[in-house]
N, C-alpha and C. Protein backbone atom coordinates (compact mmCIF):
# COMPACT_ATOMS: atom_id res chain seq x y z
N MET A 1 -11.82 42.87 10.57
CA MET A 1 -10.33 42.98 9.73
C MET A 1 -10.94 42.78 8.78
N SER A 2 -10.35 43.41 7.10
CA SER A 2 -10.27 43.00 5.61
C SER A 2 -10.28 42.16 5.79
N VAL A 3 -10.77 41.36 4.13
CA VAL A 3 -9.97 40.24 4.25
C VAL A 3 -8.59 39.94 2.91
N ALA A 4 -8.74 41.57 3.09
CA ALA A 4 -7.50 42.27 1.49
C ALA A 4 -6.19 41.54 2.69
N PHE A 5 -6.03 41.65 3.88
CA PHE A 5 -5.00 41.51 4.93
C PHE A 5 -4.88 40.47 5.43
N THR A 6 -5.92 39.31 5.29
CA THR A 6 -5.14 37.96 5.46
C THR A 6 -4.97 36.86 3.80
N LYS A 7 -4.13 36.30 5.30
CA LYS A 7 -3.25 35.42 4.46
C LYS A 7 -4.41 34.13 3.08
N GLU A 8 -4.71 34.01 1.96
CA GLU A 8 -5.14 32.78 1.57
C GLU A 8 -4.90 31.51 2.24
N GLN A 9 -5.44 30.70 1.82
CA GLN A 9 -5.21 29.21 2.44
C GLN A 9 -4.50 28.52 1.25
N ASP A 10 -2.87 28.30 1.85
CA ASP A 10 -2.45 27.98 1.06
C ASP A 10 -2.17 26.18 0.85
N TYR A 11 -2.99 26.01 -0.33
CA TYR A 11 -3.07 24.16 -0.41
C TYR A 11 -2.33 22.98 -0.59
N GLU A 12 -1.22 24.16 -0.60
CA GLU A 12 0.18 22.89 -0.64
C GLU A 12 0.73 22.79 0.74
N ALA A 13 0.45 24.44 1.21
CA ALA A 13 0.97 23.94 3.21
C ALA A 13 0.54 22.98 3.78
N ALA A 14 -1.12 23.16 3.37
CA ALA A 14 -2.12 22.09 3.99
C ALA A 14 -2.19 20.72 3.73
N ALA A 15 -1.28 20.67 2.63
CA ALA A 15 -1.20 19.28 2.02
C ALA A 15 0.36 18.79 2.94
N ALA A 16 1.00 19.14 3.50
CA ALA A 16 2.47 19.00 3.74
C ALA A 16 2.21 18.87 5.12
N ASP A 17 0.77 18.93 5.86
CA ASP A 17 0.44 18.75 6.94
C ASP A 17 -0.79 17.22 7.15
N LEU A 18 -0.46 16.57 6.40
CA LEU A 18 -1.49 15.66 5.88
C LEU A 18 -1.09 14.68 7.32
N PRO A 19 -2.42 14.33 8.04
CA PRO A 19 -2.52 12.95 9.36
C PRO A 19 -2.46 12.28 9.32
N ASP A 20 -1.15 10.86 10.01
CA ASP A 20 -0.84 10.19 9.98
C ASP A 20 -1.85 8.99 9.79
N ARG A 21 -1.37 7.88 8.93
CA ARG A 21 -2.74 7.03 8.50
C ARG A 21 -2.85 6.56 9.68
N PRO A 22 -3.93 6.22 10.34
CA PRO A 22 -4.45 5.24 11.40
C PRO A 22 -3.94 4.23 11.43
N VAL A 23 -3.24 3.46 12.75
CA VAL A 23 -2.91 2.46 13.14
C VAL A 23 -4.15 1.78 14.03
N SER A 24 -4.36 0.08 13.43
CA SER A 24 -5.10 -0.34 13.78
C SER A 24 -4.96 -0.87 15.79
N SER A 25 -5.51 -1.10 16.61
CA SER A 25 -5.34 -1.32 17.91
C SER A 25 -5.09 -3.09 18.06
N HIS A 26 -5.19 -3.43 17.34
CA HIS A 26 -5.69 -5.13 17.09
C HIS A 26 -4.18 -5.52 16.67
N PRO A 27 -4.00 -7.23 17.13
CA PRO A 27 -2.64 -7.49 16.35
C PRO A 27 -2.65 -7.54 14.62
N ASN A 28 -1.15 -6.99 14.49
CA ASN A 28 -0.74 -7.17 12.99
C ASN A 28 -0.14 -8.57 12.49
N LEU A 29 -1.51 -9.30 12.76
CA LEU A 29 -1.30 -10.53 12.10
C LEU A 29 -1.01 -10.65 10.52
N VAL A 30 0.17 -11.00 9.93
CA VAL A 30 -0.17 -10.84 8.29
C VAL A 30 0.05 -12.59 8.10
N THR A 31 -0.18 -13.22 6.49
CA THR A 31 0.13 -14.50 6.77
C THR A 31 1.62 -13.62 5.43
N ARG A 32 2.50 -14.63 4.68
CA ARG A 32 3.63 -14.67 4.06
C ARG A 32 3.47 -13.78 3.00
N GLU A 33 2.00 -13.61 1.93
CA GLU A 33 2.13 -12.97 1.07
C GLU A 33 1.52 -10.93 1.58
N GLY A 34 1.32 -11.07 2.78
CA GLY A 34 0.97 -10.42 3.92
C GLY A 34 1.90 -9.46 3.58
N LEU A 35 2.90 -10.20 4.03
CA LEU A 35 4.62 -9.66 5.05
C LEU A 35 5.32 -8.93 3.49
N ALA A 36 4.96 -10.07 2.76
CA ALA A 36 5.81 -9.73 1.43
C ALA A 36 5.37 -8.25 0.37
N ALA A 37 4.01 -8.11 0.88
CA ALA A 37 3.49 -6.90 0.77
C ALA A 37 3.33 -5.99 0.76
N LEU A 38 3.19 -6.17 2.37
CA LEU A 38 4.15 -5.01 3.58
C LEU A 38 5.88 -4.14 2.88
N ASP A 39 6.49 -5.22 3.25
CA ASP A 39 8.34 -5.09 2.52
C ASP A 39 8.14 -4.00 1.55
N ALA A 40 6.91 -4.57 0.45
CA ALA A 40 6.63 -3.70 -1.45
C ALA A 40 6.02 -2.33 -0.84
N ALA A 41 5.15 -2.55 -0.13
CA ALA A 41 5.05 -0.86 0.01
C ALA A 41 5.58 0.15 0.41
N LEU A 42 6.11 -0.38 1.94
CA LEU A 42 7.14 -0.05 2.45
C LEU A 42 8.67 0.61 2.02
N ALA A 43 9.28 -0.30 0.47
CA ALA A 43 10.34 0.01 -0.35
C ALA A 43 9.54 1.28 -1.51
N GLU A 44 8.09 1.08 -1.84
CA GLU A 44 7.97 1.81 -3.07
C GLU A 44 7.69 3.22 -1.71
N ALA A 45 7.35 3.14 -0.67
CA ALA A 45 7.14 4.43 0.18
C ALA A 45 8.52 5.34 0.42
N ARG A 46 9.46 4.47 0.58
CA ARG A 46 10.92 5.09 0.99
C ARG A 46 11.44 5.55 -0.81
N LYS A 47 11.07 4.88 -1.52
CA LYS A 47 11.37 4.81 -3.45
C LYS A 47 10.89 6.71 -3.92
N ALA A 48 9.33 6.86 -3.08
CA ALA A 48 8.65 8.29 -3.43
C ALA A 48 9.45 8.60 -2.62
N PHE A 49 9.80 9.15 -1.08
CA PHE A 49 10.26 9.87 -0.62
C PHE A 49 11.96 10.18 -0.51
N ALA A 50 12.71 9.01 -1.55
CA ALA A 50 13.60 9.63 -1.85
C ALA A 50 14.11 10.46 -3.46
N ALA A 51 12.86 10.48 -4.13
CA ALA A 51 12.57 10.89 -5.15
C ALA A 51 11.92 12.64 -5.40
N ALA A 52 11.25 12.77 -4.01
CA ALA A 52 10.40 14.09 -3.66
C ALA A 52 11.77 14.57 -3.08
N GLN A 53 13.00 14.18 -2.28
CA GLN A 53 14.18 14.12 -2.01
C GLN A 53 14.80 14.94 -2.94
N ALA A 54 15.55 14.61 -4.26
CA ALA A 54 15.46 14.26 -5.31
C ALA A 54 15.26 15.40 -6.09
N ALA A 55 14.51 15.53 -6.31
CA ALA A 55 12.66 16.38 -6.93
C ALA A 55 13.35 17.96 -5.92
N GLY A 56 13.96 18.38 -4.91
CA GLY A 56 13.60 19.59 -4.36
C GLY A 56 13.17 19.49 -2.85
N GLY A 57 12.46 18.10 -2.21
CA GLY A 57 11.89 18.24 -1.55
C GLY A 57 10.67 18.64 -1.41
N ILE A 58 10.37 19.76 0.24
CA ILE A 58 9.20 20.16 0.65
C ILE A 58 9.55 21.75 0.04
N ASP A 59 10.80 22.38 -0.08
CA ASP A 59 10.79 23.39 -0.81
C ASP A 59 9.84 23.04 -2.78
N VAL A 60 9.83 22.48 -3.20
CA VAL A 60 9.43 22.40 -4.34
C VAL A 60 8.31 21.95 -3.94
N ASP A 61 7.66 20.70 -3.89
CA ASP A 61 6.04 20.25 -3.76
C ASP A 61 6.11 19.37 -2.24
N ARG A 62 5.40 20.79 -1.78
CA ARG A 62 4.66 19.41 -0.01
C ARG A 62 4.58 18.74 -0.23
N SER A 63 3.25 18.81 -0.30
CA SER A 63 2.46 17.72 -0.66
C SER A 63 2.76 16.55 -0.82
N ALA A 64 3.65 15.70 -2.81
CA ALA A 64 4.59 15.20 -2.74
C ALA A 64 6.03 14.32 -0.85
N MET A 65 6.13 15.46 -0.49
CA MET A 65 6.73 14.98 0.09
C MET A 65 6.21 15.20 1.52
N ALA A 66 5.15 15.22 2.19
CA ALA A 66 4.29 15.35 3.14
C ALA A 66 4.12 13.57 2.97
N ARG A 67 2.95 12.72 1.52
CA ARG A 67 2.30 11.72 1.52
C ARG A 67 4.13 10.76 1.37
N ALA A 68 4.34 10.94 0.27
CA ALA A 68 6.26 9.96 1.03
C ALA A 68 6.45 9.88 1.69
N ALA A 69 6.17 10.86 3.18
CA ALA A 69 6.98 11.07 4.45
C ALA A 69 5.71 10.16 5.66
N ARG A 70 4.83 10.27 5.56
CA ARG A 70 3.21 9.45 5.33
C ARG A 70 3.54 7.89 5.59
N ASP A 71 3.33 8.24 4.28
CA ASP A 71 3.12 6.49 3.92
C ASP A 71 4.45 5.58 4.32
N VAL A 72 5.76 6.43 4.72
CA VAL A 72 7.22 5.04 4.99
C VAL A 72 6.87 5.30 6.14
N ARG A 73 6.10 5.96 7.79
CA ARG A 73 6.15 5.82 8.74
C ARG A 73 5.26 4.73 8.67
N TYR A 74 4.17 4.81 7.87
CA TYR A 74 3.30 3.91 8.19
C TYR A 74 3.32 2.53 8.04
N TYR A 75 3.79 2.12 6.90
CA TYR A 75 4.81 1.01 6.68
C TYR A 75 5.66 0.12 7.27
N ALA A 76 6.44 1.14 7.66
CA ALA A 76 7.72 0.76 9.04
C ALA A 76 7.08 1.06 10.14
N ALA A 77 5.67 1.66 10.58
CA ALA A 77 5.17 0.78 11.78
C ALA A 77 4.81 -0.66 11.35
N ARG A 78 3.57 -1.03 10.48
CA ARG A 78 3.04 -2.08 10.13
C ARG A 78 4.48 -2.94 10.29
N ARG A 79 5.39 -2.70 9.41
CA ARG A 79 6.58 -3.97 8.98
C ARG A 79 6.89 -4.24 10.09
N ALA A 80 7.13 -3.46 11.53
CA ALA A 80 7.87 -3.66 12.78
C ALA A 80 6.67 -4.17 13.10
N SER A 81 5.79 -4.11 13.08
CA SER A 81 4.37 -4.60 14.07
C SER A 81 4.14 -6.27 13.85
N ALA A 82 4.05 -5.96 12.22
CA ALA A 82 3.88 -7.85 11.86
C ALA A 82 4.14 -9.04 12.47
N GLU A 83 3.26 -9.90 12.74
CA GLU A 83 3.38 -10.98 12.87
C GLU A 83 3.09 -11.82 12.46
N LEU A 84 4.01 -12.74 11.46
CA LEU A 84 4.01 -13.67 10.54
C LEU A 84 3.21 -14.68 11.02
N THR A 85 1.98 -15.43 10.87
CA THR A 85 0.74 -16.12 11.80
C THR A 85 1.02 -17.34 10.07
N GLU A 86 1.03 -18.11 10.00
CA GLU A 86 1.05 -19.44 9.29
C GLU A 86 0.06 -20.18 9.79
N PRO A 87 -1.32 -20.62 8.37
CA PRO A 87 -2.39 -21.53 8.33
C PRO A 87 -1.60 -22.56 9.21
N LYS A 88 -2.80 -23.28 10.26
CA LYS A 88 -2.69 -24.36 11.11
C LYS A 88 -3.88 -25.18 10.76
N PRO A 89 -3.49 -26.60 9.51
CA PRO A 89 -4.64 -27.29 10.19
C PRO A 89 -5.42 -27.70 10.67
N THR A 90 -6.59 -27.02 11.90
CA THR A 90 -7.23 -28.05 12.45
C THR A 90 -8.27 -28.48 12.38
N GLY A 91 -8.81 -28.53 11.20
CA GLY A 91 -10.67 -28.61 10.88
C GLY A 91 -11.05 -27.56 10.92
N ALA A 92 -10.49 -26.59 11.45
CA ALA A 92 -11.89 -25.48 12.54
C ALA A 92 -11.23 -24.04 11.01
N VAL A 93 -12.24 -23.30 11.22
CA VAL A 93 -11.42 -21.76 10.48
C VAL A 93 -10.37 -20.87 11.27
N THR A 94 -9.35 -20.37 10.92
CA THR A 94 -8.71 -19.95 11.45
C THR A 94 -7.81 -18.76 10.56
N PHE A 95 -6.91 -18.52 11.19
CA PHE A 95 -6.65 -17.24 10.50
C PHE A 95 -5.58 -17.69 9.04
N GLY A 96 -5.86 -17.55 8.19
CA GLY A 96 -5.39 -17.99 6.86
C GLY A 96 -5.87 -18.89 6.24
N ALA A 97 -7.01 -19.08 6.79
CA ALA A 97 -8.03 -20.56 6.32
C ALA A 97 -8.23 -19.85 5.18
N ARG A 98 -8.84 -20.75 3.77
CA ARG A 98 -9.52 -20.19 3.10
C ARG A 98 -11.07 -20.82 3.19
N VAL A 99 -12.65 -20.42 2.78
CA VAL A 99 -13.39 -20.95 3.46
C VAL A 99 -14.19 -20.36 2.81
N THR A 100 -15.82 -21.68 2.52
CA THR A 100 -15.88 -21.70 1.45
C THR A 100 -17.53 -22.13 2.56
N PHE A 101 -18.22 -21.18 2.17
CA PHE A 101 -19.82 -21.44 2.76
C PHE A 101 -20.84 -20.56 2.12
N GLU A 102 -22.35 -21.82 2.22
CA GLU A 102 -23.51 -20.83 0.93
C GLU A 102 -24.51 -20.09 1.96
N ARG A 103 -24.86 -18.84 1.97
CA ARG A 103 -26.36 -18.31 2.12
C ARG A 103 -27.15 -18.88 1.66
N GLU A 104 -28.54 -18.10 2.30
CA GLU A 104 -29.27 -19.00 2.64
C GLU A 104 -30.27 -19.09 1.19
N ASP A 105 -29.79 -17.93 0.30
CA ASP A 105 -30.07 -17.46 -0.82
C ASP A 105 -29.37 -18.56 -2.03
N GLY A 106 -28.52 -19.40 -0.83
CA GLY A 106 -27.85 -20.50 -2.49
C GLY A 106 -26.84 -19.67 -2.78
N ARG A 107 -26.47 -18.55 -2.79
CA ARG A 107 -25.08 -18.00 -2.68
C ARG A 107 -23.72 -18.48 -2.49
N ARG A 108 -22.70 -19.34 -3.14
CA ARG A 108 -21.64 -19.77 -1.95
C ARG A 108 -20.22 -18.80 -2.32
N GLN A 109 -19.62 -18.24 -1.45
CA GLN A 109 -18.55 -17.90 -1.20
C GLN A 109 -17.17 -18.13 -0.94
N THR A 110 -16.39 -17.51 -1.32
CA THR A 110 -15.25 -17.68 -0.68
C THR A 110 -14.47 -17.22 -0.32
N TYR A 111 -13.94 -17.04 0.66
CA TYR A 111 -12.71 -16.22 0.95
C TYR A 111 -11.80 -16.79 2.06
N ARG A 112 -10.69 -16.00 2.08
CA ARG A 112 -9.45 -16.31 2.71
C ARG A 112 -9.32 -15.36 3.77
N ILE A 113 -8.76 -15.41 4.78
CA ILE A 113 -9.04 -14.87 6.14
C ILE A 113 -7.84 -14.53 5.98
N VAL A 114 -7.06 -13.09 6.24
CA VAL A 114 -6.23 -12.43 6.19
C VAL A 114 -5.80 -11.41 7.47
N GLY A 115 -4.43 -10.60 7.48
CA GLY A 115 -4.39 -9.77 7.70
C GLY A 115 -5.24 -8.77 7.23
N GLU A 116 -5.84 -7.09 8.24
CA GLU A 116 -6.18 -6.25 7.80
C GLU A 116 -5.43 -5.51 6.84
N ASP A 117 -3.89 -5.46 6.80
CA ASP A 117 -3.36 -4.34 5.50
C ASP A 117 -4.03 -4.80 4.23
N GLU A 118 -3.76 -6.57 4.14
CA GLU A 118 -3.93 -7.70 2.96
C GLU A 118 -5.20 -7.35 2.50
N ALA A 119 -5.96 -7.30 3.08
CA ALA A 119 -7.41 -7.57 3.26
C ALA A 119 -8.51 -6.95 2.07
N GLU A 120 -9.38 -7.46 0.99
CA GLU A 120 -9.46 -6.80 0.13
C GLU A 120 -11.11 -8.00 -0.64
N PRO A 121 -11.92 -7.58 0.31
CA PRO A 121 -13.11 -8.77 -0.19
C PRO A 121 -13.63 -9.13 -1.75
N SER A 122 -12.75 -7.44 -3.13
CA SER A 122 -13.63 -8.32 -4.44
C SER A 122 -12.38 -8.87 -4.79
N ARG A 123 -11.05 -9.12 -4.09
CA ARG A 123 -10.22 -10.10 -4.75
C ARG A 123 -10.54 -11.51 -3.54
N GLY A 124 -11.06 -11.67 -2.70
CA GLY A 124 -11.49 -12.80 -1.62
C GLY A 124 -10.71 -12.69 -0.39
N THR A 125 -10.43 -11.82 0.00
CA THR A 125 -9.58 -12.13 1.68
C THR A 125 -10.69 -10.77 2.89
N VAL A 126 -10.62 -11.49 3.57
CA VAL A 126 -11.25 -10.96 3.58
C VAL A 126 -10.54 -10.59 5.78
N SER A 127 -10.36 -9.38 6.31
CA SER A 127 -9.70 -9.33 7.83
C SER A 127 -10.11 -10.53 9.13
N TYR A 128 -8.67 -10.99 9.18
CA TYR A 128 -9.37 -11.37 10.31
C TYR A 128 -9.78 -10.76 11.62
N VAL A 129 -10.28 -9.18 11.41
CA VAL A 129 -11.22 -8.65 12.60
C VAL A 129 -13.01 -8.35 12.37
N SER A 130 -12.45 -8.47 10.62
CA SER A 130 -13.98 -8.92 9.71
C SER A 130 -14.83 -8.94 10.71
N PRO A 131 -16.42 -8.60 10.46
CA PRO A 131 -17.88 -9.55 11.15
C PRO A 131 -17.79 -10.41 10.86
N LEU A 132 -17.13 -10.93 8.82
CA LEU A 132 -18.17 -11.57 8.87
C LEU A 132 -16.46 -12.71 8.97
N ALA A 133 -14.98 -12.97 9.25
CA ALA A 133 -14.21 -13.72 9.72
C ALA A 133 -13.99 -13.71 11.31
N ARG A 134 -14.73 -13.00 12.22
CA ARG A 134 -15.31 -13.43 13.61
C ARG A 134 -16.00 -14.13 13.59
N ALA A 135 -17.42 -13.83 12.83
CA ALA A 135 -18.50 -15.28 13.05
C ALA A 135 -18.50 -16.69 12.72
N LEU A 136 -17.19 -16.64 11.56
CA LEU A 136 -16.50 -17.86 10.59
C LEU A 136 -15.53 -18.50 11.89
N MET A 137 -15.04 -17.85 12.63
CA MET A 137 -13.29 -18.21 12.98
C MET A 137 -14.30 -19.72 14.31
N GLY A 138 -13.22 -20.44 14.18
CA GLY A 138 -13.36 -21.56 15.21
C GLY A 138 -13.98 -22.92 14.40
N LYS A 139 -14.80 -22.42 13.59
CA LYS A 139 -16.20 -23.08 12.84
C LYS A 139 -15.84 -24.33 12.24
N GLY A 140 -16.21 -26.00 12.45
CA GLY A 140 -15.49 -26.60 11.33
C GLY A 140 -16.67 -26.51 10.19
N VAL A 141 -16.26 -27.59 9.38
CA VAL A 141 -17.39 -27.87 8.16
C VAL A 141 -18.28 -28.35 9.16
N GLY A 142 -19.52 -27.73 8.04
CA GLY A 142 -20.83 -28.16 8.14
C GLY A 142 -21.49 -27.23 9.79
N GLY A 143 -20.73 -26.29 10.37
CA GLY A 143 -21.00 -25.46 11.32
C GLY A 143 -21.80 -24.44 10.77
N GLU A 144 -22.54 -23.67 11.15
CA GLU A 144 -23.74 -22.69 11.12
C GLU A 144 -23.42 -21.82 11.51
N ALA A 145 -23.16 -20.50 11.26
CA ALA A 145 -22.57 -18.96 11.44
C ALA A 145 -23.83 -18.11 10.89
N THR A 146 -23.62 -16.69 12.23
CA THR A 146 -25.38 -15.53 11.81
C THR A 146 -23.98 -14.52 10.64
N VAL A 147 -24.13 -14.85 9.49
CA VAL A 147 -23.47 -13.46 8.60
C VAL A 147 -24.46 -12.58 8.59
N ALA A 148 -24.69 -11.15 8.22
CA ALA A 148 -25.12 -10.47 8.23
C ALA A 148 -26.95 -10.03 7.84
N GLY A 149 -27.01 -10.75 9.41
CA GLY A 149 -28.15 -10.94 9.73
C GLY A 149 -29.17 -12.11 9.16
N GLY A 150 -28.05 -13.18 8.44
CA GLY A 150 -28.50 -14.82 7.48
C GLY A 150 -27.72 -15.77 7.47
N ALA A 151 -28.63 -16.83 7.68
CA ALA A 151 -27.66 -17.95 8.80
C ALA A 151 -26.69 -18.41 6.70
N VAL A 152 -25.19 -18.92 7.41
CA VAL A 152 -24.14 -19.60 6.55
C VAL A 152 -24.22 -21.09 6.83
N GLU A 153 -23.19 -21.74 5.48
CA GLU A 153 -23.46 -22.76 6.21
C GLU A 153 -21.65 -22.96 5.61
N ILE A 154 -21.01 -23.38 6.31
CA ILE A 154 -19.36 -23.58 5.29
C ILE A 154 -19.25 -24.99 5.29
N LEU A 155 -18.87 -24.83 3.71
CA LEU A 155 -18.86 -26.14 2.78
C LEU A 155 -17.76 -26.60 3.10
N SER A 156 -16.55 -25.91 3.28
CA SER A 156 -15.22 -26.41 2.99
C SER A 156 -14.29 -25.10 3.46
N ILE A 157 -13.05 -25.86 4.31
CA ILE A 157 -12.12 -25.22 4.69
C ILE A 157 -10.55 -25.56 4.35
N ASP A 158 -9.83 -24.55 3.25
CA ASP A 158 -8.32 -24.95 2.89
C ASP A 158 -7.54 -24.09 3.43
């Protein structure tokens, strides 16, 4: 068949078929700040969806409507499954704790262990399911763990 008789790819229609954002199979543990961030993200997604509908919805901009609908589904599911988990001072690294450790090369790093949606290592937060958090969980001050192939010593837990 000649290409003249085939319909070219409609990029706008393809955008309307965006796949859903993957949802983790781990429990959705969140800090108080993480819960507030989920609420804000859900509100923003609903606002974007309403704006896309007001602008003519799927007939005008399929990609904006698809992105907004996808985000509403994702944040609604994450908010519904959120388990607010307060840090418990136990003397060991737990969910919600801020832990400072020293690497073998003398670098000191501090991270707070948080939920998956609120983790942002560049801002000092890591997910509780990350390899770093898993290596540190349950250990106390002075404890050692192997992180990225090197030993670290826990200096403080807040």
